[in-house]
Amino acid sequence: MTVRRATKADAGVIAQIHVRTWQEAYKNLMPAAALQALSISDRAQKWREILSDSEHNVYVIEVAERVVGFGGCGESRDDDASTSVGEIYAIYLDHTKMRMGLGKKLLERLEAVLQSAGFDSATLWVLDGNVSARRFYEAHGWFADGKVKTEQKDQMELREVRYRKRL
């Protein structure tokens, strides 16, 4: 397995993993119609834009030279964050590749990227009902810090819990 910085050429596979992972992981947390309406081509265009920025911190994980997951990080976007707080924006794995240590490797890389950028702690947001993801982060030293946010997205309400970790 290899973790490497994503390139613009990875946009399509990242979009595919992003959409399919949402459809699998959130099937009991979001309306089926909303999940089925997700567009890989629309998401690929957004990923091409993100990956066109030379300053991006998006990484992919490969198994046998095939991208099976991705993650991204950077400075915290939270209003209450100090400049010493980074954020893990996303970690998604092909659902058929879970529980193989790939998520751990990707998480470790993102934590290292944040630490090397000078952040001494980091946060991330998880859907409240995503028990599997919450257990994953807790098993790797992250804790819910009490902050919760609710977002309206495509006519649905998403409740997220913030996790924190010292780096």
N, C-alpha and C. Protein backbone atom coordinates (compact mmCIF):
# COMPACT_ATOMS: atom_id res chain seq x y z
N MET A 1 0.83 -1.18 0.00
CA MET A 1 0.00 0.00 0.00
C MET A 1 0.88 1.24 0.00
N THR A 2 0.42 2.26 -0.71
CA THR A 2 1.17 3.49 -0.85
C THR A 2 0.25 4.67 -0.59
N VAL A 3 0.73 5.65 0.18
CA VAL A 3 0.01 6.91 0.34
C VAL A 3 0.83 7.96 -0.39
N ARG A 4 0.18 8.69 -1.28
CA ARG A 4 0.88 9.74 -2.03
C ARG A 4 -0.04 10.94 -2.21
N ARG A 5 0.58 12.05 -2.53
CA ARG A 5 -0.19 13.26 -2.78
C ARG A 5 -1.01 13.06 -4.06
N ALA A 6 -2.27 13.47 -4.02
CA ALA A 6 -3.15 13.33 -5.18
C ALA A 6 -2.75 14.29 -6.28
N THR A 7 -3.01 13.88 -7.51
CA THR A 7 -2.78 14.74 -8.67
C THR A 7 -4.13 14.98 -9.36
N LYS A 8 -4.13 15.92 -10.27
CA LYS A 8 -5.36 16.24 -11.01
C LYS A 8 -5.89 15.00 -11.74
N ALA A 9 -4.99 14.12 -12.14
CA ALA A 9 -5.40 12.90 -12.83
C ALA A 9 -6.20 11.96 -11.94
N ASP A 10 -6.13 12.16 -10.62
CA ASP A 10 -6.87 11.32 -9.67
C ASP A 10 -8.32 11.78 -9.46
N ALA A 11 -8.69 12.92 -10.03
CA ALA A 11 -10.01 13.51 -9.75
C ALA A 11 -11.16 12.54 -10.01
N GLY A 12 -11.11 11.82 -11.11
CA GLY A 12 -12.21 10.91 -11.44
C GLY A 12 -12.37 9.78 -10.44
N VAL A 13 -11.28 9.14 -10.07
CA VAL A 13 -11.37 8.03 -9.13
C VAL A 13 -11.71 8.53 -7.72
N ILE A 14 -11.21 9.71 -7.36
CA ILE A 14 -11.57 10.29 -6.07
C ILE A 14 -13.07 10.56 -6.04
N ALA A 15 -13.60 11.13 -7.11
CA ALA A 15 -15.04 11.41 -7.19
C ALA A 15 -15.86 10.12 -7.09
N GLN A 16 -15.41 9.10 -7.76
CA GLN A 16 -16.12 7.82 -7.71
C GLN A 16 -16.14 7.26 -6.29
N ILE A 17 -15.00 7.27 -5.63
CA ILE A 17 -14.93 6.79 -4.24
C ILE A 17 -15.78 7.66 -3.34
N HIS A 18 -15.70 8.98 -3.53
CA HIS A 18 -16.45 9.92 -2.71
C HIS A 18 -17.95 9.63 -2.79
N VAL A 19 -18.49 9.55 -3.98
CA VAL A 19 -19.92 9.33 -4.17
C VAL A 19 -20.33 7.93 -3.68
N ARG A 20 -19.60 6.92 -4.08
CA ARG A 20 -19.99 5.55 -3.69
C ARG A 20 -19.87 5.33 -2.18
N THR A 21 -18.88 5.96 -1.56
CA THR A 21 -18.75 5.83 -0.12
C THR A 21 -19.90 6.51 0.59
N TRP A 22 -20.28 7.70 0.12
CA TRP A 22 -21.46 8.36 0.70
C TRP A 22 -22.67 7.44 0.56
N GLN A 23 -22.86 6.88 -0.62
CA GLN A 23 -24.04 6.04 -0.86
C GLN A 23 -24.05 4.81 0.04
N GLU A 24 -22.90 4.28 0.35
CA GLU A 24 -22.82 3.11 1.22
C GLU A 24 -22.86 3.50 2.70
N ALA A 25 -22.02 4.41 3.11
CA ALA A 25 -21.89 4.76 4.53
C ALA A 25 -23.09 5.50 5.09
N TYR A 26 -23.76 6.27 4.25
CA TYR A 26 -24.84 7.12 4.74
C TYR A 26 -26.23 6.62 4.37
N LYS A 27 -26.31 5.36 3.87
CA LYS A 27 -27.61 4.86 3.39
C LYS A 27 -28.69 4.83 4.46
N ASN A 28 -28.31 4.73 5.72
CA ASN A 28 -29.31 4.76 6.78
C ASN A 28 -29.36 6.11 7.49
N LEU A 29 -28.58 7.07 7.00
CA LEU A 29 -28.50 8.38 7.63
C LEU A 29 -29.06 9.50 6.76
N MET A 30 -29.21 9.23 5.47
CA MET A 30 -29.69 10.23 4.53
C MET A 30 -30.74 9.60 3.62
N PRO A 31 -31.64 10.42 3.07
CA PRO A 31 -32.66 9.87 2.17
C PRO A 31 -32.02 9.21 0.94
N ALA A 32 -32.58 8.07 0.55
CA ALA A 32 -32.06 7.31 -0.59
C ALA A 32 -32.05 8.15 -1.86
N ALA A 33 -33.08 8.97 -2.06
CA ALA A 33 -33.16 9.79 -3.28
C ALA A 33 -32.00 10.78 -3.33
N ALA A 34 -31.63 11.35 -2.20
CA ALA A 34 -30.52 12.31 -2.16
C ALA A 34 -29.21 11.61 -2.48
N LEU A 35 -29.03 10.41 -1.97
CA LEU A 35 -27.80 9.67 -2.24
C LEU A 35 -27.72 9.23 -3.70
N GLN A 36 -28.84 8.80 -4.26
CA GLN A 36 -28.85 8.37 -5.66
C GLN A 36 -28.64 9.54 -6.61
N ALA A 37 -28.98 10.75 -6.16
CA ALA A 37 -28.84 11.93 -7.00
C ALA A 37 -27.39 12.44 -7.07
N LEU A 38 -26.52 11.92 -6.23
CA LEU A 38 -25.13 12.36 -6.25
C LEU A 38 -24.51 12.02 -7.61
N SER A 39 -23.78 12.96 -8.15
CA SER A 39 -23.22 12.80 -9.49
C SER A 39 -21.70 12.66 -9.43
N ILE A 40 -21.20 11.55 -9.95
CA ILE A 40 -19.75 11.35 -10.02
C ILE A 40 -19.12 12.39 -10.94
N SER A 41 -19.74 12.70 -12.06
CA SER A 41 -19.15 13.68 -12.98
C SER A 41 -19.12 15.08 -12.36
N ASP A 42 -20.16 15.48 -11.65
CA ASP A 42 -20.14 16.78 -10.97
C ASP A 42 -19.06 16.81 -9.90
N ARG A 43 -18.97 15.74 -9.14
CA ARG A 43 -17.97 15.67 -8.08
C ARG A 43 -16.56 15.65 -8.67
N ALA A 44 -16.38 14.99 -9.80
CA ALA A 44 -15.06 14.96 -10.46
C ALA A 44 -14.63 16.36 -10.86
N GLN A 45 -15.56 17.16 -11.35
CA GLN A 45 -15.23 18.53 -11.73
C GLN A 45 -14.77 19.32 -10.50
N LYS A 46 -15.45 19.15 -9.38
CA LYS A 46 -15.04 19.84 -8.15
C LYS A 46 -13.66 19.38 -7.71
N TRP A 47 -13.39 18.09 -7.83
CA TRP A 47 -12.08 17.57 -7.44
C TRP A 47 -10.98 18.06 -8.38
N ARG A 48 -11.29 18.20 -9.66
CA ARG A 48 -10.29 18.76 -10.59
C ARG A 48 -9.92 20.18 -10.18
N GLU A 49 -10.92 20.95 -9.75
CA GLU A 49 -10.66 22.32 -9.30
C GLU A 49 -9.79 22.32 -8.04
N ILE A 50 -10.13 21.48 -7.08
CA ILE A 50 -9.36 21.40 -5.85
C ILE A 50 -7.93 20.98 -6.14
N LEU A 51 -7.76 19.96 -6.97
CA LEU A 51 -6.43 19.42 -7.25
C LEU A 51 -5.61 20.30 -8.19
N SER A 52 -6.24 21.30 -8.79
CA SER A 52 -5.51 22.25 -9.62
C SER A 52 -4.72 23.24 -8.78
N ASP A 53 -5.10 23.37 -7.52
CA ASP A 53 -4.40 24.27 -6.59
C ASP A 53 -3.14 23.56 -6.10
N SER A 54 -2.00 24.12 -6.39
CA SER A 54 -0.74 23.47 -6.01
C SER A 54 -0.54 23.38 -4.50
N GLU A 55 -1.32 24.10 -3.75
CA GLU A 55 -1.19 24.10 -2.28
C GLU A 55 -2.11 23.07 -1.60
N HIS A 56 -2.83 22.28 -2.36
CA HIS A 56 -3.78 21.33 -1.77
C HIS A 56 -3.06 20.29 -0.91
N ASN A 57 -3.78 19.77 0.07
CA ASN A 57 -3.29 18.69 0.92
C ASN A 57 -4.25 17.51 0.81
N VAL A 58 -4.34 16.97 -0.37
CA VAL A 58 -5.18 15.81 -0.64
C VAL A 58 -4.26 14.64 -0.96
N TYR A 59 -4.51 13.53 -0.30
CA TYR A 59 -3.68 12.34 -0.47
C TYR A 59 -4.56 11.16 -0.85
N VAL A 60 -3.99 10.27 -1.65
CA VAL A 60 -4.68 9.03 -2.00
C VAL A 60 -3.89 7.86 -1.43
N ILE A 61 -4.60 6.77 -1.22
CA ILE A 61 -3.96 5.53 -0.81
C ILE A 61 -4.21 4.52 -1.91
N GLU A 62 -3.14 3.83 -2.30
CA GLU A 62 -3.21 2.86 -3.38
C GLU A 62 -2.89 1.46 -2.86
N VAL A 63 -3.55 0.49 -3.45
CA VAL A 63 -3.23 -0.92 -3.24
C VAL A 63 -3.03 -1.49 -4.63
N ALA A 64 -1.89 -2.10 -4.84
CA ALA A 64 -1.55 -2.65 -6.15
C ALA A 64 -1.72 -1.58 -7.24
N GLU A 65 -1.23 -0.38 -6.95
CA GLU A 65 -1.25 0.75 -7.88
C GLU A 65 -2.66 1.20 -8.26
N ARG A 66 -3.65 0.85 -7.45
CA ARG A 66 -5.04 1.27 -7.68
C ARG A 66 -5.48 2.13 -6.51
N VAL A 67 -5.98 3.34 -6.79
CA VAL A 67 -6.46 4.24 -5.74
C VAL A 67 -7.72 3.64 -5.12
N VAL A 68 -7.69 3.48 -3.80
CA VAL A 68 -8.83 2.90 -3.09
C VAL A 68 -9.35 3.81 -1.98
N GLY A 69 -8.74 4.98 -1.84
CA GLY A 69 -9.21 5.92 -0.82
C GLY A 69 -8.49 7.24 -0.95
N PHE A 70 -9.01 8.23 -0.22
CA PHE A 70 -8.40 9.55 -0.23
C PHE A 70 -8.74 10.29 1.05
N GLY A 71 -7.98 11.33 1.32
CA GLY A 71 -8.24 12.19 2.46
C GLY A 71 -7.63 13.55 2.22
N GLY A 72 -8.13 14.52 2.95
CA GLY A 72 -7.62 15.87 2.81
C GLY A 72 -7.56 16.58 4.15
N CYS A 73 -6.68 17.55 4.26
CA CYS A 73 -6.52 18.29 5.51
C CYS A 73 -6.00 19.69 5.23
N GLY A 74 -6.01 20.52 6.26
CA GLY A 74 -5.51 21.88 6.16
C GLY A 74 -5.82 22.63 7.43
N GLU A 75 -5.86 23.95 7.33
CA GLU A 75 -6.16 24.73 8.52
C GLU A 75 -7.63 24.56 8.88
N SER A 76 -7.94 24.70 10.14
CA SER A 76 -9.31 24.54 10.59
C SER A 76 -10.21 25.61 9.99
N ARG A 77 -11.41 25.21 9.60
CA ARG A 77 -12.40 26.14 9.06
C ARG A 77 -13.39 26.59 10.13
N ASP A 78 -13.20 26.13 11.36
CA ASP A 78 -14.13 26.45 12.44
C ASP A 78 -13.92 27.87 12.95
N ASP A 79 -15.01 28.55 13.23
CA ASP A 79 -14.96 29.93 13.73
C ASP A 79 -14.22 30.06 15.05
N ASP A 80 -14.28 29.02 15.87
CA ASP A 80 -13.68 29.10 17.20
C ASP A 80 -12.24 28.56 17.25
N ALA A 81 -11.66 28.26 16.09
CA ALA A 81 -10.32 27.65 16.07
C ALA A 81 -9.22 28.71 16.10
N SER A 82 -8.18 28.41 16.84
CA SER A 82 -6.99 29.25 16.82
C SER A 82 -6.14 28.85 15.62
N THR A 83 -5.10 29.61 15.35
CA THR A 83 -4.22 29.32 14.21
C THR A 83 -3.39 28.06 14.42
N SER A 84 -3.40 27.51 15.64
CA SER A 84 -2.63 26.29 15.91
C SER A 84 -3.44 25.02 15.68
N VAL A 85 -4.68 25.17 15.18
CA VAL A 85 -5.56 24.02 14.99
C VAL A 85 -5.73 23.73 13.49
N GLY A 86 -5.41 22.50 13.12
CA GLY A 86 -5.64 22.05 11.76
C GLY A 86 -6.94 21.27 11.70
N GLU A 87 -7.28 20.81 10.52
CA GLU A 87 -8.52 20.04 10.37
C GLU A 87 -8.32 18.95 9.33
N ILE A 88 -8.86 17.80 9.62
CA ILE A 88 -8.96 16.74 8.62
C ILE A 88 -10.34 16.92 7.99
N TYR A 89 -10.32 17.24 6.71
CA TYR A 89 -11.56 17.56 6.00
C TYR A 89 -12.33 16.32 5.58
N ALA A 90 -11.60 15.26 5.25
CA ALA A 90 -12.27 14.06 4.75
C ALA A 90 -11.32 12.88 4.75
N ILE A 91 -11.88 11.73 5.00
CA ILE A 91 -11.22 10.45 4.74
C ILE A 91 -12.31 9.51 4.22
N TYR A 92 -12.08 9.01 3.02
CA TYR A 92 -13.03 8.07 2.42
C TYR A 92 -12.26 6.92 1.80
N LEU A 93 -12.77 5.71 2.05
CA LEU A 93 -12.20 4.50 1.47
C LEU A 93 -13.27 3.75 0.71
N ASP A 94 -12.86 3.10 -0.36
CA ASP A 94 -13.74 2.16 -1.05
C ASP A 94 -14.27 1.21 0.03
N HIS A 95 -15.59 1.09 0.13
CA HIS A 95 -16.16 0.30 1.23
C HIS A 95 -15.73 -1.17 1.21
N THR A 96 -15.26 -1.66 0.08
CA THR A 96 -14.78 -3.05 0.03
C THR A 96 -13.36 -3.19 0.57
N LYS A 97 -12.72 -2.06 0.87
CA LYS A 97 -11.34 -2.07 1.35
C LYS A 97 -11.23 -1.64 2.82
N MET A 98 -12.36 -1.60 3.50
CA MET A 98 -12.34 -1.19 4.90
C MET A 98 -11.86 -2.34 5.78
N ARG A 99 -11.37 -1.96 6.94
CA ARG A 99 -10.89 -2.89 7.96
C ARG A 99 -9.65 -3.67 7.50
N MET A 100 -8.82 -2.97 6.73
CA MET A 100 -7.57 -3.56 6.26
C MET A 100 -6.36 -2.73 6.69
N GLY A 101 -6.60 -1.72 7.52
CA GLY A 101 -5.52 -0.85 7.97
C GLY A 101 -5.25 0.33 7.06
N LEU A 102 -6.01 0.46 5.97
CA LEU A 102 -5.79 1.53 5.01
C LEU A 102 -6.22 2.88 5.58
N GLY A 103 -7.35 2.91 6.26
CA GLY A 103 -7.81 4.15 6.88
C GLY A 103 -6.82 4.65 7.91
N LYS A 104 -6.26 3.74 8.68
CA LYS A 104 -5.27 4.11 9.68
C LYS A 104 -4.05 4.75 9.01
N LYS A 105 -3.56 4.15 7.94
CA LYS A 105 -2.39 4.69 7.23
C LYS A 105 -2.68 6.09 6.68
N LEU A 106 -3.86 6.26 6.11
CA LEU A 106 -4.24 7.55 5.55
C LEU A 106 -4.38 8.59 6.67
N LEU A 107 -5.01 8.22 7.76
CA LEU A 107 -5.17 9.11 8.91
C LEU A 107 -3.80 9.52 9.46
N GLU A 108 -2.90 8.57 9.59
CA GLU A 108 -1.55 8.87 10.09
C GLU A 108 -0.84 9.87 9.18
N ARG A 109 -0.99 9.70 7.86
CA ARG A 109 -0.35 10.63 6.93
C ARG A 109 -0.92 12.04 7.10
N LEU A 110 -2.25 12.14 7.18
CA LEU A 110 -2.87 13.45 7.32
C LEU A 110 -2.47 14.12 8.63
N GLU A 111 -2.41 13.35 9.70
CA GLU A 111 -1.97 13.90 10.98
C GLU A 111 -0.53 14.40 10.87
N ALA A 112 0.33 13.65 10.19
CA ALA A 112 1.74 14.04 10.02
C ALA A 112 1.84 15.32 9.17
N VAL A 113 1.02 15.44 8.14
CA VAL A 113 1.02 16.63 7.30
C VAL A 113 0.65 17.85 8.14
N LEU A 114 -0.39 17.70 8.95
CA LEU A 114 -0.81 18.82 9.81
C LEU A 114 0.27 19.18 10.82
N GLN A 115 0.86 18.17 11.42
CA GLN A 115 1.91 18.41 12.41
C GLN A 115 3.10 19.11 11.77
N SER A 116 3.50 18.67 10.59
CA SER A 116 4.65 19.29 9.92
C SER A 116 4.33 20.72 9.47
N ALA A 117 3.05 21.04 9.33
CA ALA A 117 2.65 22.41 8.97
C ALA A 117 2.60 23.32 10.20
N GLY A 118 2.88 22.75 11.38
CA GLY A 118 2.94 23.56 12.60
C GLY A 118 1.70 23.53 13.47
N PHE A 119 0.72 22.74 13.12
CA PHE A 119 -0.48 22.63 13.95
C PHE A 119 -0.19 21.72 15.14
N ASP A 120 -0.67 22.10 16.32
CA ASP A 120 -0.44 21.25 17.49
C ASP A 120 -1.65 20.42 17.87
N SER A 121 -2.78 20.69 17.23
CA SER A 121 -3.97 19.86 17.41
C SER A 121 -4.79 19.92 16.13
N ALA A 122 -5.77 19.04 16.05
CA ALA A 122 -6.61 19.00 14.85
C ALA A 122 -8.03 18.61 15.24
N THR A 123 -8.95 18.99 14.36
CA THR A 123 -10.34 18.61 14.53
C THR A 123 -10.82 17.94 13.24
N LEU A 124 -11.96 17.30 13.35
CA LEU A 124 -12.66 16.76 12.19
C LEU A 124 -14.12 16.64 12.56
N TRP A 125 -14.97 16.56 11.57
CA TRP A 125 -16.41 16.45 11.78
C TRP A 125 -16.92 15.12 11.25
N VAL A 126 -17.83 14.50 12.01
CA VAL A 126 -18.40 13.20 11.66
C VAL A 126 -19.91 13.29 11.83
N LEU A 127 -20.64 12.70 10.89
CA LEU A 127 -22.09 12.63 11.07
C LEU A 127 -22.38 11.89 12.37
N ASP A 128 -23.25 12.46 13.16
CA ASP A 128 -23.56 11.93 14.49
C ASP A 128 -23.92 10.44 14.44
N GLY A 129 -24.69 10.04 13.46
CA GLY A 129 -25.13 8.66 13.38
C GLY A 129 -24.15 7.71 12.72
N ASN A 130 -23.01 8.19 12.30
CA ASN A 130 -22.02 7.34 11.64
C ASN A 130 -21.17 6.65 12.70
N VAL A 131 -21.74 5.65 13.31
CA VAL A 131 -21.12 4.95 14.44
C VAL A 131 -19.79 4.32 14.04
N SER A 132 -19.71 3.77 12.86
CA SER A 132 -18.47 3.13 12.41
C SER A 132 -17.32 4.13 12.35
N ALA A 133 -17.56 5.28 11.76
CA ALA A 133 -16.51 6.31 11.66
C ALA A 133 -16.15 6.83 13.05
N ARG A 134 -17.14 7.03 13.89
CA ARG A 134 -16.86 7.53 15.23
C ARG A 134 -15.98 6.53 16.00
N ARG A 135 -16.28 5.27 15.90
CA ARG A 135 -15.45 4.25 16.56
C ARG A 135 -14.03 4.24 16.01
N PHE A 136 -13.91 4.39 14.69
CA PHE A 136 -12.60 4.42 14.05
C PHE A 136 -11.76 5.56 14.64
N TYR A 137 -12.31 6.75 14.65
CA TYR A 137 -11.54 7.90 15.17
C TYR A 137 -11.22 7.74 16.65
N GLU A 138 -12.17 7.27 17.42
CA GLU A 138 -11.94 7.07 18.85
C GLU A 138 -10.83 6.04 19.09
N ALA A 139 -10.78 5.01 18.27
CA ALA A 139 -9.73 3.99 18.40
C ALA A 139 -8.35 4.54 18.08
N HIS A 140 -8.31 5.69 17.40
CA HIS A 140 -7.03 6.30 17.02
C HIS A 140 -6.76 7.59 17.78
N GLY A 141 -7.35 7.70 18.98
CA GLY A 141 -7.01 8.79 19.89
C GLY A 141 -7.81 10.07 19.75
N TRP A 142 -8.82 10.09 18.91
CA TRP A 142 -9.66 11.26 18.76
C TRP A 142 -10.80 11.20 19.77
N PHE A 143 -11.29 12.36 20.22
CA PHE A 143 -12.41 12.39 21.16
C PHE A 143 -13.40 13.48 20.75
N ALA A 144 -14.67 13.21 21.00
CA ALA A 144 -15.72 14.21 20.75
C ALA A 144 -15.51 15.33 21.75
N ASP A 145 -15.41 16.57 21.25
CA ASP A 145 -15.11 17.69 22.15
C ASP A 145 -16.35 18.47 22.59
N GLY A 146 -17.54 17.97 22.25
CA GLY A 146 -18.77 18.61 22.70
C GLY A 146 -19.39 19.56 21.70
N LYS A 147 -18.67 19.91 20.66
CA LYS A 147 -19.21 20.83 19.65
C LYS A 147 -20.03 20.03 18.64
N VAL A 148 -21.22 20.54 18.33
CA VAL A 148 -22.14 19.91 17.39
C VAL A 148 -22.62 20.98 16.43
N LYS A 149 -22.81 20.61 15.17
CA LYS A 149 -23.41 21.55 14.22
C LYS A 149 -24.44 20.81 13.38
N THR A 150 -25.42 21.56 12.96
CA THR A 150 -26.46 21.01 12.10
C THR A 150 -26.48 21.82 10.82
N GLU A 151 -26.41 21.14 9.71
CA GLU A 151 -26.41 21.79 8.41
C GLU A 151 -27.61 21.33 7.60
N GLN A 152 -28.16 22.24 6.84
CA GLN A 152 -29.21 21.91 5.88
C GLN A 152 -28.51 21.66 4.55
N LYS A 153 -28.73 20.49 3.98
CA LYS A 153 -28.10 20.16 2.70
C LYS A 153 -29.11 19.40 1.86
N ASP A 154 -29.41 19.96 0.71
CA ASP A 154 -30.34 19.31 -0.22
C ASP A 154 -31.60 18.82 0.49
N GLN A 155 -32.25 19.71 1.21
CA GLN A 155 -33.52 19.44 1.89
C GLN A 155 -33.43 18.37 2.95
N MET A 156 -32.26 18.23 3.55
CA MET A 156 -32.13 17.30 4.68
C MET A 156 -31.28 17.97 5.74
N GLU A 157 -31.45 17.52 6.96
CA GLU A 157 -30.70 18.06 8.07
C GLU A 157 -29.61 17.08 8.47
N LEU A 158 -28.37 17.57 8.51
CA LEU A 158 -27.24 16.72 8.87
C LEU A 158 -26.65 17.22 10.19
N ARG A 159 -26.63 16.34 11.19
CA ARG A 159 -26.07 16.69 12.48
C ARG A 159 -24.68 16.07 12.57
N GLU A 160 -23.69 16.94 12.82
CA GLU A 160 -22.30 16.49 12.89
C GLU A 160 -21.71 16.76 14.26
N VAL A 161 -20.80 15.88 14.65
CA VAL A 161 -20.11 15.97 15.93
C VAL A 161 -18.64 16.25 15.63
N ARG A 162 -18.06 17.18 16.39
CA ARG A 162 -16.64 17.48 16.17
C ARG A 162 -15.77 16.63 17.08
N TYR A 163 -14.70 16.10 16.47
CA TYR A 163 -13.68 15.35 17.18
C TYR A 163 -12.40 16.16 17.20
N ARG A 164 -11.56 15.89 18.19
CA ARG A 164 -10.31 16.65 18.38
C ARG A 164 -9.21 15.69 18.80
N LYS A 165 -7.98 16.08 18.47
CA LYS A 165 -6.81 15.29 18.89
C LYS A 165 -5.60 16.22 18.96
N ARG A 166 -4.77 16.02 19.98
CA ARG A 166 -3.47 16.70 20.04
C ARG A 166 -2.53 15.95 19.10
N LEU A 167 -1.74 16.70 18.36
CA LEU A 167 -0.82 16.08 17.40
C LEU A 167 0.56 15.92 17.99
